[in-house]
Amino acid sequence: MQGKLYTRHVLTIALVTAWSATAQAADAPYYNPANAASPSGYTTDYQLYKTIGCPGRGLLDAPCKEPIAAKPEAKPAAKPAAVGDADKDGVPDDKDRCPDTPAGAKVDANGCELDSDGDGVVDRLDKCPGTPAGARVDAKGCELDSDGDGVVDRLDKCPDTPAGRKVNAQGCELDSDGDGVVDALDQCPDTPAGDKVDNKGCTLPSTIVLKGVNFDNDSAVLKAEARAILDDSAKTLKRYPGVKAEVAGHTDARASDSHNQALSQRRAQAVVDYLIAAGVPADALSAKGYGEAEPVADNATAEGRAQNRRVELRIR
């Protein structure tokens, strides 16, 4: 008991001494046991400054509470670095797939220039902004017109029209009289409707003399110069699949009738064979030799005999 009283006495002296030493520190922090976050120094019924602390907590009426350290103030999260927009199109660089867009151009969410009709030419350069889907276009975004006839390839039914020719809405050359020969080549532009015409657009006569289809004397071999004439005849016949034609062979009056008839038959057949090879259906042709029976000139003269040695197409 005496020891305890002695301890209290010593502690009292220490408290008074500490209070005197720190009285000048009127603004010094002190410990409040009611406030767990306050610094050490003050207890109920006693003023215990920071110089004492709580080493004698068990001897005091109200033991000191352990101070709770204040939580450090949370620092605000760092703001992400600002992302630039080098081409000023409104799309940040980290999302811009077209980083060099020209100033003022309209762009999509990826920063690429708009191409409203999807033809591969951006709106800024597109002179034909409403191109149909899938149409081929030039650098200006306009549909191609390969033959330059004014009808775009997508609609052109005659894509290889010669330069300067007049065409219809399908891009095909005009044929005003409807005879199958275009105006640019038609030498008979007002052919009556329904008439069959040759390659020049002129009505076919019932009998066509193939001038220039000649043979050497007593020969059925075609001469080279006859080929161009027969090629032209083949084109005309192929234009009319339903037309039938007889190839009629003729001779002059020299030699016997039987010889001339046989010779004219071979000559007619030589022409038929050539026309078939040129694409005329075989069932559209027939060969017949007339010998010297149908002269068109006087056999007494060389000039007359030359005219009589002929081949004709007789349209049926």
C-alpha atoms as a PDB file:
ATOM      1  CA  MET A   1       0.000   0.000   0.000  1.00  0.00           C
ATOM      2  CA  GLN A   2       2.785   2.368   0.842  1.00  0.00           C
ATOM      3  CA  GLY A   3       4.475   1.513  -2.459  1.00  0.00           C
ATOM      4  CA  LYS A   4       1.387   2.419  -4.413  1.00  0.00           C
ATOM      5  CA  LEU A   5       1.022   5.712  -2.612  1.00  0.00           C
ATOM      6  CA  TYR A   6       4.629   6.447  -3.307  1.00  0.00           C
ATOM      7  CA  THR A   7       4.118   5.796  -6.986  1.00  0.00           C
ATOM      8  CA  ARG A   8       1.105   8.121  -7.090  1.00  0.00           C
ATOM      9  CA  HIS A   9       3.137  10.794  -5.346  1.00  0.00           C
ATOM     10  CA  VAL A  10       5.997  10.496  -7.808  1.00  0.00           C
ATOM     11  CA  LEU A  11       3.624  10.534 -10.766  1.00  0.00           C
ATOM     12  CA  THR A  12       1.873  13.596  -9.419  1.00  0.00           C
ATOM     13  CA  ILE A  13       5.158  15.443  -9.146  1.00  0.00           C
ATOM     14  CA  ALA A  14       6.004  14.356 -12.710  1.00  0.00           C
ATOM     15  CA  LEU A  15       2.678  15.562 -14.003  1.00  0.00           C
ATOM     16  CA  VAL A  16       3.010  18.947 -12.352  1.00  0.00           C
ATOM     17  CA  THR A  17       6.549  19.287 -13.600  1.00  0.00           C
ATOM     18  CA  ALA A  18       5.518  18.350 -17.128  1.00  0.00           C
ATOM     19  CA  TRP A  19       2.608  20.757 -16.972  1.00  0.00           C
ATOM     20  CA  SER A  20       4.868  23.573 -15.910  1.00  0.00           C
ATOM     21  CA  ALA A  21       7.425  22.792 -18.625  1.00  0.00           C
ATOM     22  CA  THR A  22       4.838  22.784 -21.338  1.00  0.00           C
ATOM     23  CA  ALA A  23       2.495  25.478 -20.150  1.00  0.00           C
ATOM     24  CA  GLN A  24       3.931  27.835 -22.688  1.00  0.00           C
ATOM     25  CA  ALA A  25       2.895  25.482 -25.475  1.00  0.00           C
ATOM     26  CA  ALA A  26      -0.689  26.594 -25.235  1.00  0.00           C
ATOM     27  CA  ASP A  27      -1.294  25.624 -28.817  1.00  0.00           C
ATOM     28  CA  ALA A  28       0.306  22.178 -28.477  1.00  0.00           C
ATOM     29  CA  PRO A  29      -1.910  19.225 -29.422  1.00  0.00           C
ATOM     30  CA  TYR A  30      -3.241  17.075 -26.630  1.00  0.00           C
ATOM     31  CA  TYR A  31      -4.787  13.651 -26.332  1.00  0.00           C
ATOM     32  CA  ASN A  32      -8.528  13.262 -25.920  1.00  0.00           C
ATOM     33  CA  PRO A  33      -9.535   9.676 -25.129  1.00  0.00           C
ATOM     34  CA  ALA A  34     -12.990  10.407 -26.490  1.00  0.00           C
ATOM     35  CA  ASN A  35     -11.388  11.052 -29.878  1.00  0.00           C
ATOM     36  CA  ALA A  36      -9.492   8.017 -31.114  1.00  0.00           C
ATOM     37  CA  ALA A  37      -7.820  10.035 -33.845  1.00  0.00           C
ATOM     38  CA  SER A  38      -6.380  12.777 -31.567  1.00  0.00           C
ATOM     39  CA  PRO A  39      -2.646  12.903 -30.706  1.00  0.00           C
ATOM     40  CA  SER A  40      -1.482  11.780 -27.289  1.00  0.00           C
ATOM     41  CA  GLY A  41      -1.623  14.277 -24.413  1.00  0.00           C
ATOM     42  CA  TYR A  42      -5.033  14.654 -22.658  1.00  0.00           C
ATOM     43  CA  THR A  43      -7.006  12.313 -20.450  1.00  0.00           C
ATOM     44  CA  THR A  44     -10.102  12.744 -18.324  1.00  0.00           C
ATOM     45  CA  ASP A  45      -9.339  14.802 -15.136  1.00  0.00           C
ATOM     46  CA  TYR A  46      -5.704  15.200 -16.107  1.00  0.00           C
ATOM     47  CA  GLN A  47      -3.725  17.250 -18.546  1.00  0.00           C
ATOM     48  CA  LEU A  48      -1.039  15.045 -19.870  1.00  0.00           C
ATOM     49  CA  TYR A  49       1.022  16.662 -22.558  1.00  0.00           C
ATOM     50  CA  LYS A  50       2.812  14.969 -25.382  1.00  0.00           C
ATOM     51  CA  THR A  51       6.073  14.924 -23.394  1.00  0.00           C
ATOM     52  CA  ILE A  52       4.514  12.311 -21.069  1.00  0.00           C
ATOM     53  CA  GLY A  53       2.515  10.228 -23.482  1.00  0.00           C
ATOM     54  CA  CYS A  54       0.798   7.194 -21.996  1.00  0.00           C
ATOM     55  CA  PRO A  55       3.522   5.174 -20.259  1.00  0.00           C
ATOM     56  CA  GLY A  56       1.559   5.226 -17.035  1.00  0.00           C
ATOM     57  CA  ARG A  57      -1.832   4.431 -18.467  1.00  0.00           C
ATOM     58  CA  GLY A  58      -2.491   1.765 -15.829  1.00  0.00           C
ATOM     59  CA  LEU A  59      -2.047   4.324 -13.000  1.00  0.00           C
ATOM     60  CA  LEU A  60      -4.530   6.852 -14.370  1.00  0.00           C
ATOM     61  CA  ASP A  61      -8.256   6.939 -13.731  1.00  0.00           C
ATOM     62  CA  ALA A  62      -8.931   6.702 -17.475  1.00  0.00           C
ATOM     63  CA  PRO A  63      -6.346   4.611 -19.324  1.00  0.00           C
ATOM     64  CA  CYS A  64      -5.027   6.037 -22.601  1.00  0.00           C
ATOM     65  CA  LYS A  65      -6.442   4.610 -25.800  1.00  0.00           C
ATOM     66  CA  GLU A  66      -4.143   3.674 -28.602  1.00  0.00           C
ATOM     67  CA  PRO A  67      -4.299   6.422 -31.240  1.00  0.00           C
ATOM     68  CA  ILE A  68      -5.564   5.306 -34.617  1.00  0.00           C
ATOM     69  CA  ALA A  69      -3.463   6.541 -37.454  1.00  0.00           C
ATOM     70  CA  ALA A  70      -5.345   8.759 -39.844  1.00  0.00           C
ATOM     71  CA  LYS A  71      -5.930   7.252 -43.261  1.00  0.00           C
ATOM     72  CA  PRO A  72      -3.798   8.876 -45.925  1.00  0.00           C
ATOM     73  CA  GLU A  73      -5.750  11.153 -48.195  1.00  0.00           C
ATOM     74  CA  ALA A  74      -6.596   9.370 -51.444  1.00  0.00           C
ATOM     75  CA  LYS A  75      -4.932  10.935 -54.430  1.00  0.00           C
ATOM     76  CA  PRO A  76      -7.168  11.492 -57.479  1.00  0.00           C
ATOM     77  CA  ALA A  77      -6.501   9.104 -60.351  1.00  0.00           C
ATOM     78  CA  ALA A  78      -4.204  10.526 -62.967  1.00  0.00           C
ATOM     79  CA  LYS A  79      -6.037  11.739 -66.043  1.00  0.00           C
ATOM     80  CA  PRO A  80      -5.106   9.886 -69.239  1.00  0.00           C
ATOM     81  CA  ALA A  81      -2.949  11.819 -71.605  1.00  0.00           C
ATOM     82  CA  ALA A  82      -4.965  13.673 -74.197  1.00  0.00           C
ATOM     83  CA  VAL A  83      -5.056  11.998 -77.657  1.00  0.00           C
ATOM     84  CA  GLY A  84      -4.384  14.256 -80.630  1.00  0.00           C
ATOM     85  CA  ASP A  85      -6.247  14.629 -83.923  1.00  0.00           C
ATOM     86  CA  ALA A  86      -3.512  15.395 -86.425  1.00  0.00           C
ATOM     87  CA  ASP A  87      -5.746  15.842 -89.481  1.00  0.00           C
ATOM     88  CA  LYS A  88      -8.473  17.729 -87.579  1.00  0.00           C
ATOM     89  CA  ASP A  89     -11.271  15.526 -88.889  1.00  0.00           C
ATOM     90  CA  GLY A  90     -12.889  15.020 -85.486  1.00  0.00           C
ATOM     91  CA  VAL A  91     -11.627  11.447 -85.042  1.00  0.00           C
ATOM     92  CA  PRO A  92      -8.762  11.015 -82.532  1.00  0.00           C
ATOM     93  CA  ASP A  93      -5.521   9.668 -83.927  1.00  0.00           C
ATOM     94  CA  ASP A  94      -5.742   6.384 -82.024  1.00  0.00           C
ATOM     95  CA  LYS A  95      -9.005   5.579 -83.842  1.00  0.00           C
ATOM     96  CA  ASP A  96      -8.287   7.255 -87.161  1.00  0.00           C
ATOM     97  CA  ARG A  97      -7.751   4.737 -89.972  1.00  0.00           C
ATOM     98  CA  CYS A  98      -7.233   7.506 -92.500  1.00  0.00           C
ATOM     99  CA  PRO A  99      -4.876   9.879 -90.667  1.00  0.00           C
ATOM    100  CA  ASP A 100      -4.224  12.243 -93.582  1.00  0.00           C
ATOM    101  CA  THR A 101      -7.774  13.300 -94.483  1.00  0.00           C
ATOM    102  CA  PRO A 102      -7.780  16.620 -96.407  1.00  0.00           C
ATOM    103  CA  ALA A 103      -9.064  19.602 -94.456  1.00  0.00           C
ATOM    104  CA  GLY A 104     -12.843  19.974 -94.541  1.00  0.00           C
ATOM    105  CA  ALA A 105     -13.596  16.524 -95.927  1.00  0.00           C
ATOM    106  CA  LYS A 106     -16.521  14.661 -94.362  1.00  0.00           C
ATOM    107  CA  VAL A 107     -15.487  11.424 -92.670  1.00  0.00           C
ATOM    108  CA  ASP A 108     -17.052   8.359 -91.092  1.00  0.00           C
ATOM    109  CA  ALA A 109     -16.466   7.011 -87.575  1.00  0.00           C
ATOM    110  CA  ASN A 110     -13.125   5.578 -88.712  1.00  0.00           C
ATOM    111  CA  GLY A 111     -11.883   8.936 -89.934  1.00  0.00           C
ATOM    112  CA  CYS A 112     -12.106   7.976 -93.616  1.00  0.00           C
ATOM    113  CA  GLU A 113     -13.773  10.097 -96.270  1.00  0.00           C
ATOM    114  CA  LEU A 114     -17.381   9.302 -97.111  1.00  0.00           C
ATOM    115  CA  ASP A 115     -18.231   7.384-100.300  1.00  0.00           C
ATOM    116  CA  SER A 116     -22.014   7.513-100.247  1.00  0.00           C
ATOM    117  CA  ASP A 117     -22.641   5.427-103.378  1.00  0.00           C
ATOM    118  CA  GLY A 118     -19.904   2.893-102.631  1.00  0.00           C
ATOM    119  CA  ASP A 119     -18.244   3.173-106.035  1.00  0.00           C
ATOM    120  CA  GLY A 120     -14.728   3.577-104.645  1.00  0.00           C
ATOM    121  CA  VAL A 121     -14.537   7.324-105.324  1.00  0.00           C
ATOM    122  CA  VAL A 122     -14.957   9.551-102.248  1.00  0.00           C
ATOM    123  CA  ASP A 123     -17.798  12.065-102.256  1.00  0.00           C
ATOM    124  CA  ARG A 124     -15.388  15.001-102.411  1.00  0.00           C
ATOM    125  CA  LEU A 125     -14.161  13.848-105.841  1.00  0.00           C
ATOM    126  CA  ASP A 126     -17.285  12.068-107.126  1.00  0.00           C
ATOM    127  CA  LYS A 127     -18.858  13.871-110.107  1.00  0.00           C
ATOM    128  CA  CYS A 128     -21.578  11.224-110.393  1.00  0.00           C
ATOM    129  CA  PRO A 129     -22.691  10.666-106.779  1.00  0.00           C
ATOM    130  CA  GLY A 130     -25.649   8.379-107.482  1.00  0.00           C
ATOM    131  CA  THR A 131     -23.861   5.545-109.299  1.00  0.00           C
ATOM    132  CA  PRO A 132     -25.833   2.247-109.113  1.00  0.00           C
ATOM    133  CA  ALA A 133     -24.291  -0.479-106.990  1.00  0.00           C
ATOM    134  CA  GLY A 134     -21.760  -2.629-108.847  1.00  0.00           C
ATOM    135  CA  ALA A 135     -21.310  -0.280-111.804  1.00  0.00           C
ATOM    136  CA  ARG A 136     -17.746   0.251-113.022  1.00  0.00           C
ATOM    137  CA  VAL A 137     -16.643   3.871-112.789  1.00  0.00           C
ATOM    138  CA  ASP A 138     -13.762   6.109-113.858  1.00  0.00           C
ATOM    139  CA  ALA A 139     -11.580   8.269-111.603  1.00  0.00           C
ATOM    140  CA  LYS A 140     -14.382  10.861-111.373  1.00  0.00           C
ATOM    141  CA  GLY A 141     -16.898   8.297-110.118  1.00  0.00           C
ATOM    142  CA  CYS A 142     -18.856   8.221-113.380  1.00  0.00           C
ATOM    143  CA  GLU A 143     -19.863   5.013-115.142  1.00  0.00           C
ATOM    144  CA  LEU A 144     -17.589   3.796-117.902  1.00  0.00           C
ATOM    145  CA  ASP A 145     -18.537   4.260-121.552  1.00  0.00           C
ATOM    146  CA  SER A 146     -15.788   2.285-123.277  1.00  0.00           C
ATOM    147  CA  ASP A 147     -16.798   3.038-126.865  1.00  0.00           C
ATOM    148  CA  GLY A 148     -17.670   6.674-126.166  1.00  0.00           C
ATOM    149  CA  ASP A 149     -21.113   6.514-127.731  1.00  0.00           C
ATOM    150  CA  GLY A 150     -22.875   8.196-124.819  1.00  0.00           C
ATOM    151  CA  VAL A 151     -24.388   4.988-123.442  1.00  0.00           C
ATOM    152  CA  VAL A 152     -22.683   3.587-120.339  1.00  0.00           C
ATOM    153  CA  ASP A 153     -21.274   0.088-120.546  1.00  0.00           C
ATOM    154  CA  ARG A 154     -23.851  -1.260-118.096  1.00  0.00           C
ATOM    155  CA  LEU A 155     -26.650  -0.444-120.578  1.00  0.00           C
ATOM    156  CA  ASP A 156     -24.741  -0.743-123.860  1.00  0.00           C
ATOM    157  CA  LYS A 157     -25.946  -3.657-125.997  1.00  0.00           C
ATOM    158  CA  CYS A 158     -23.438  -2.798-128.733  1.00  0.00           C
ATOM    159  CA  PRO A 159     -20.224  -2.075-126.776  1.00  0.00           C
ATOM    160  CA  ASP A 160     -17.915  -1.679-129.792  1.00  0.00           C
ATOM    161  CA  THR A 161     -19.674   1.058-131.740  1.00  0.00           C
ATOM    162  CA  PRO A 162     -17.247   2.848-134.107  1.00  0.00           C
ATOM    163  CA  ALA A 163     -16.383   6.387-133.077  1.00  0.00           C
ATOM    164  CA  GLY A 164     -18.792   9.076-134.239  1.00  0.00           C
ATOM    165  CA  ARG A 165     -21.709   6.797-135.069  1.00  0.00           C
ATOM    166  CA  LYS A 166     -25.210   7.721-133.926  1.00  0.00           C
ATOM    167  CA  VAL A 167     -26.734   5.217-131.526  1.00  0.00           C
ATOM    168  CA  ASN A 168     -30.044   4.488-129.855  1.00  0.00           C
ATOM    169  CA  ALA A 169     -30.741   4.137-126.108  1.00  0.00           C
ATOM    170  CA  GLN A 170     -29.219   0.650-126.158  1.00  0.00           C
ATOM    171  CA  GLY A 171     -25.947   1.950-127.590  1.00  0.00           C
ATOM    172  CA  CYS A 172     -26.524   0.365-130.996  1.00  0.00           C
ATOM    173  CA  GLU A 173     -26.183   2.178-134.299  1.00  0.00           C
ATOM    174  CA  LEU A 174     -29.325   3.633-135.769  1.00  0.00           C
ATOM    175  CA  ASP A 175     -31.119   1.755-138.550  1.00  0.00           C
ATOM    176  CA  SER A 176     -33.801   4.214-139.547  1.00  0.00           C
ATOM    177  CA  ASP A 177     -35.541   2.026-142.143  1.00  0.00           C
ATOM    178  CA  GLY A 178     -35.234  -1.138-140.063  1.00  0.00           C
ATOM    179  CA  ASP A 179     -33.723  -3.214-142.835  1.00  0.00           C
ATOM    180  CA  GLY A 180     -30.900  -4.596-140.721  1.00  0.00           C
ATOM    181  CA  VAL A 181     -28.218  -2.345-142.220  1.00  0.00           C
ATOM    182  CA  VAL A 182     -27.162   0.543-139.990  1.00  0.00           C
ATOM    183  CA  ASP A 183     -27.554   4.053-141.329  1.00  0.00           C
ATOM    184  CA  ALA A 184     -23.806   4.586-141.565  1.00  0.00           C
ATOM    185  CA  LEU A 185     -23.550   1.759-144.127  1.00  0.00           C
ATOM    186  CA  ASP A 186     -27.005   1.916-145.722  1.00  0.00           C
ATOM    187  CA  GLN A 187     -26.864   3.031-149.352  1.00  0.00           C
ATOM    188  CA  CYS A 188     -30.612   2.666-149.689  1.00  0.00           C
ATOM    189  CA  PRO A 189     -31.879   4.351-146.487  1.00  0.00           C
ATOM    190  CA  ASP A 190     -35.573   4.235-147.354  1.00  0.00           C
ATOM    191  CA  THR A 191     -36.025   0.548-148.100  1.00  0.00           C
ATOM    192  CA  PRO A 192     -39.707  -0.488-147.887  1.00  0.00           C
ATOM    193  CA  ALA A 193     -40.539  -2.397-144.739  1.00  0.00           C
ATOM    194  CA  GLY A 194     -40.159  -6.145-145.143  1.00  0.00           C
ATOM    195  CA  ASP A 195     -37.872  -6.043-148.187  1.00  0.00           C
ATOM    196  CA  LYS A 196     -34.868  -8.298-148.104  1.00  0.00           C
ATOM    197  CA  VAL A 197     -31.706  -6.291-148.649  1.00  0.00           C
ATOM    198  CA  ASP A 198     -28.062  -6.876-149.444  1.00  0.00           C
ATOM    199  CA  ASN A 199     -25.129  -5.734-147.329  1.00  0.00           C
ATOM    200  CA  LYS A 200     -25.537  -2.221-148.700  1.00  0.00           C
ATOM    201  CA  GLY A 201     -29.118  -1.962-147.483  1.00  0.00           C
ATOM    202  CA  CYS A 202     -30.650  -2.204-150.947  1.00  0.00           C
ATOM    203  CA  THR A 203     -33.520  -4.488-151.875  1.00  0.00           C
ATOM    204  CA  LEU A 204     -32.404  -7.868-153.184  1.00  0.00           C
ATOM    205  CA  PRO A 205     -33.478  -8.580-156.731  1.00  0.00           C
ATOM    206  CA  SER A 206     -34.835 -12.005-157.449  1.00  0.00           C
ATOM    207  CA  THR A 207     -31.708 -12.740-159.478  1.00  0.00           C
ATOM    208  CA  ILE A 208     -28.251 -11.487-158.536  1.00  0.00           C
ATOM    209  CA  VAL A 209     -25.410 -11.765-161.004  1.00  0.00           C
ATOM    210  CA  LEU A 210     -22.203 -12.432-159.087  1.00  0.00           C
ATOM    211  CA  LYS A 211     -20.014 -10.143-161.167  1.00  0.00           C
ATOM    212  CA  GLY A 212     -16.386 -10.962-160.781  1.00  0.00           C
ATOM    213  CA  VAL A 213     -16.954 -14.661-160.114  1.00  0.00           C
ATOM    214  CA  ASN A 214     -15.151 -15.912-163.200  1.00  0.00           C
ATOM    215  CA  PHE A 215     -13.448 -19.101-164.297  1.00  0.00           C
ATOM    216  CA  ASP A 216     -10.653 -19.915-166.654  1.00  0.00           C
ATOM    217  CA  ASN A 217     -11.609 -21.503-169.994  1.00  0.00           C
ATOM    218  CA  ASP A 218     -13.123 -24.962-169.506  1.00  0.00           C
ATOM    219  CA  SER A 219     -12.418 -24.807-165.717  1.00  0.00           C
ATOM    220  CA  ALA A 220     -14.594 -24.974-162.585  1.00  0.00           C
ATOM    221  CA  VAL A 221     -11.876 -23.684-160.229  1.00  0.00           C
ATOM    222  CA  LEU A 222     -12.713 -20.358-158.575  1.00  0.00           C
ATOM    223  CA  LYS A 223     -10.258 -17.526-159.121  1.00  0.00           C
ATOM    224  CA  ALA A 224      -8.840 -15.672-156.110  1.00  0.00           C
ATOM    225  CA  GLU A 225     -10.676 -12.443-156.925  1.00  0.00           C
ATOM    226  CA  ALA A 226     -14.011 -14.273-156.637  1.00  0.00           C
ATOM    227  CA  ARG A 227     -13.580 -14.857-152.891  1.00  0.00           C
ATOM    228  CA  ALA A 228     -14.372 -11.310-151.723  1.00  0.00           C
ATOM    229  CA  ILE A 229     -17.565 -11.267-153.819  1.00  0.00           C
ATOM    230  CA  LEU A 230     -18.712 -14.617-152.461  1.00  0.00           C
ATOM    231  CA  ASP A 231     -17.886 -13.592-148.869  1.00  0.00           C
ATOM    232  CA  ASP A 232     -20.207 -10.611-149.245  1.00  0.00           C
ATOM    233  CA  SER A 233     -22.931 -12.830-150.685  1.00  0.00           C
ATOM    234  CA  ALA A 234     -22.562 -15.223-147.754  1.00  0.00           C
ATOM    235  CA  LYS A 235     -23.131 -12.365-145.257  1.00  0.00           C
ATOM    236  CA  THR A 236     -26.310 -11.372-147.031  1.00  0.00           C
ATOM    237  CA  LEU A 237     -27.689 -14.920-147.131  1.00  0.00           C
ATOM    238  CA  LYS A 238     -26.891 -15.514-143.454  1.00  0.00           C
ATOM    239  CA  ARG A 239     -28.942 -12.455-142.516  1.00  0.00           C
ATOM    240  CA  TYR A 240     -32.063 -14.228-143.772  1.00  0.00           C
ATOM    241  CA  PRO A 241     -32.073 -17.795-142.422  1.00  0.00           C
ATOM    242  CA  GLY A 242     -35.347 -18.649-144.137  1.00  0.00           C
ATOM    243  CA  VAL A 243     -34.203 -17.600-147.611  1.00  0.00           C
ATOM    244  CA  LYS A 244     -33.438 -20.270-150.193  1.00  0.00           C
ATOM    245  CA  ALA A 245     -31.072 -19.540-153.065  1.00  0.00           C
ATOM    246  CA  GLU A 246     -30.281 -21.400-156.249  1.00  0.00           C
ATOM    247  CA  VAL A 247     -26.769 -20.999-157.639  1.00  0.00           C
ATOM    248  CA  ALA A 248     -27.151 -21.034-161.399  1.00  0.00           C
ATOM    249  CA  GLY A 249     -24.108 -21.719-163.602  1.00  0.00           C
ATOM    250  CA  HIS A 250     -23.857 -20.563-167.248  1.00  0.00           C
ATOM    251  CA  THR A 251     -21.382 -20.988-170.134  1.00  0.00           C
ATOM    252  CA  ASP A 252     -20.844 -19.486-173.546  1.00  0.00           C
ATOM    253  CA  ALA A 253     -21.793 -21.355-176.721  1.00  0.00           C
ATOM    254  CA  ARG A 254     -18.455 -22.936-177.490  1.00  0.00           C
ATOM    255  CA  ALA A 255     -18.249 -26.718-177.168  1.00  0.00           C
ATOM    256  CA  SER A 256     -21.185 -29.063-177.202  1.00  0.00           C
ATOM    257  CA  ASP A 257     -24.401 -28.568-175.289  1.00  0.00           C
ATOM    258  CA  SER A 258     -23.763 -31.594-173.057  1.00  0.00           C
ATOM    259  CA  HIS A 259     -20.236 -30.464-172.287  1.00  0.00           C
ATOM    260  CA  ASN A 260     -21.382 -26.956-171.464  1.00  0.00           C
ATOM    261  CA  GLN A 261     -24.208 -28.187-169.260  1.00  0.00           C
ATOM    262  CA  ALA A 262     -21.853 -30.400-167.242  1.00  0.00           C
ATOM    263  CA  LEU A 263     -19.282 -27.580-166.970  1.00  0.00           C
ATOM    264  CA  SER A 264     -21.892 -25.100-165.756  1.00  0.00           C
ATOM    265  CA  GLN A 265     -23.060 -27.616-163.119  1.00  0.00           C
ATOM    266  CA  ARG A 266     -19.517 -27.994-161.764  1.00  0.00           C
ATOM    267  CA  ARG A 267     -19.080 -24.235-161.629  1.00  0.00           C
ATOM    268  CA  ALA A 268     -22.372 -23.777-159.752  1.00  0.00           C
ATOM    269  CA  GLN A 269     -21.360 -26.493-157.299  1.00  0.00           C
ATOM    270  CA  ALA A 270     -17.991 -24.822-156.729  1.00  0.00           C
ATOM    271  CA  VAL A 271     -19.813 -21.651-155.662  1.00  0.00           C
ATOM    272  CA  VAL A 272     -22.204 -23.588-153.392  1.00  0.00           C
ATOM    273  CA  ASP A 273     -19.280 -25.322-151.687  1.00  0.00           C
ATOM    274  CA  TYR A 274     -17.583 -21.989-151.033  1.00  0.00           C
ATOM    275  CA  LEU A 275     -20.750 -20.419-149.563  1.00  0.00           C
ATOM    276  CA  ILE A 276     -21.299 -23.399-147.258  1.00  0.00           C
ATOM    277  CA  ALA A 277     -17.703 -23.091-146.055  1.00  0.00           C
ATOM    278  CA  ALA A 278     -18.417 -19.396-145.380  1.00  0.00           C
ATOM    279  CA  GLY A 279     -21.284 -20.303-143.034  1.00  0.00           C
ATOM    280  CA  VAL A 280     -24.394 -20.429-145.202  1.00  0.00           C
ATOM    281  CA  PRO A 281     -26.574 -23.415-144.220  1.00  0.00           C
ATOM    282  CA  ALA A 282     -26.310 -26.208-146.791  1.00  0.00           C
ATOM    283  CA  ASP A 283     -30.095 -26.650-146.897  1.00  0.00           C
ATOM    284  CA  ALA A 284     -30.479 -23.033-148.022  1.00  0.00           C
ATOM    285  CA  LEU A 285     -28.504 -23.630-151.239  1.00  0.00           C
ATOM    286  CA  SER A 286     -28.822 -25.632-154.391  1.00  0.00           C
ATOM    287  CA  ALA A 287     -26.664 -25.807-157.559  1.00  0.00           C
ATOM    288  CA  LYS A 288     -27.948 -26.027-161.098  1.00  0.00           C
ATOM    289  CA  GLY A 289     -26.101 -25.817-164.425  1.00  0.00           C
ATOM    290  CA  TYR A 290     -27.855 -24.254-167.406  1.00  0.00           C
ATOM    291  CA  GLY A 291     -25.049 -24.626-169.953  1.00  0.00           C
ATOM    292  CA  GLU A 292     -25.406 -22.249-172.877  1.00  0.00           C
ATOM    293  CA  ALA A 293     -29.203 -22.211-172.766  1.00  0.00           C
ATOM    294  CA  GLU A 294     -29.659 -18.724-171.221  1.00  0.00           C
ATOM    295  CA  PRO A 295     -27.224 -16.276-172.832  1.00  0.00           C
ATOM    296  CA  VAL A 296     -27.329 -12.577-171.862  1.00  0.00           C
ATOM    297  CA  ALA A 297     -25.044 -11.377-174.674  1.00  0.00           C
ATOM    298  CA  ASP A 298     -23.953 -12.277-178.193  1.00  0.00           C
ATOM    299  CA  ASN A 299     -21.774 -15.411-178.289  1.00  0.00           C
ATOM    300  CA  ALA A 300     -20.294 -14.213-181.591  1.00  0.00           C
ATOM    301  CA  THR A 301     -18.032 -11.731-179.788  1.00  0.00           C
ATOM    302  CA  ALA A 302     -15.411 -12.236-177.107  1.00  0.00           C
ATOM    303  CA  GLU A 303     -17.083  -9.612-174.942  1.00  0.00           C
ATOM    304  CA  GLY A 304     -20.451 -11.313-175.276  1.00  0.00           C
ATOM    305  CA  ARG A 305     -19.084 -14.734-174.502  1.00  0.00           C
ATOM    306  CA  ALA A 306     -17.412 -13.329-171.328  1.00  0.00           C
ATOM    307  CA  GLN A 307     -20.771 -12.032-170.118  1.00  0.00           C
ATOM    308  CA  ASN A 308     -22.404 -15.374-170.794  1.00  0.00           C
ATOM    309  CA  ARG A 309     -19.863 -17.239-168.629  1.00  0.00           C
ATOM    310  CA  ARG A 310     -21.460 -16.225-165.350  1.00  0.00           C
ATOM    311  CA  VAL A 311     -22.887 -17.397-162.011  1.00  0.00           C
ATOM    312  CA  GLU A 312     -26.148 -16.117-160.573  1.00  0.00           C
ATOM    313  CA  LEU A 313     -27.949 -16.275-157.220  1.00  0.00           C
ATOM    314  CA  ARG A 314     -31.661 -16.804-157.693  1.00  0.00           C
ATOM    315  CA  ILE A 315     -33.561 -15.978-154.533  1.00  0.00           C
ATOM    316  CA  ARG A 316     -36.528 -18.264-153.883  1.00  0.00           C
END
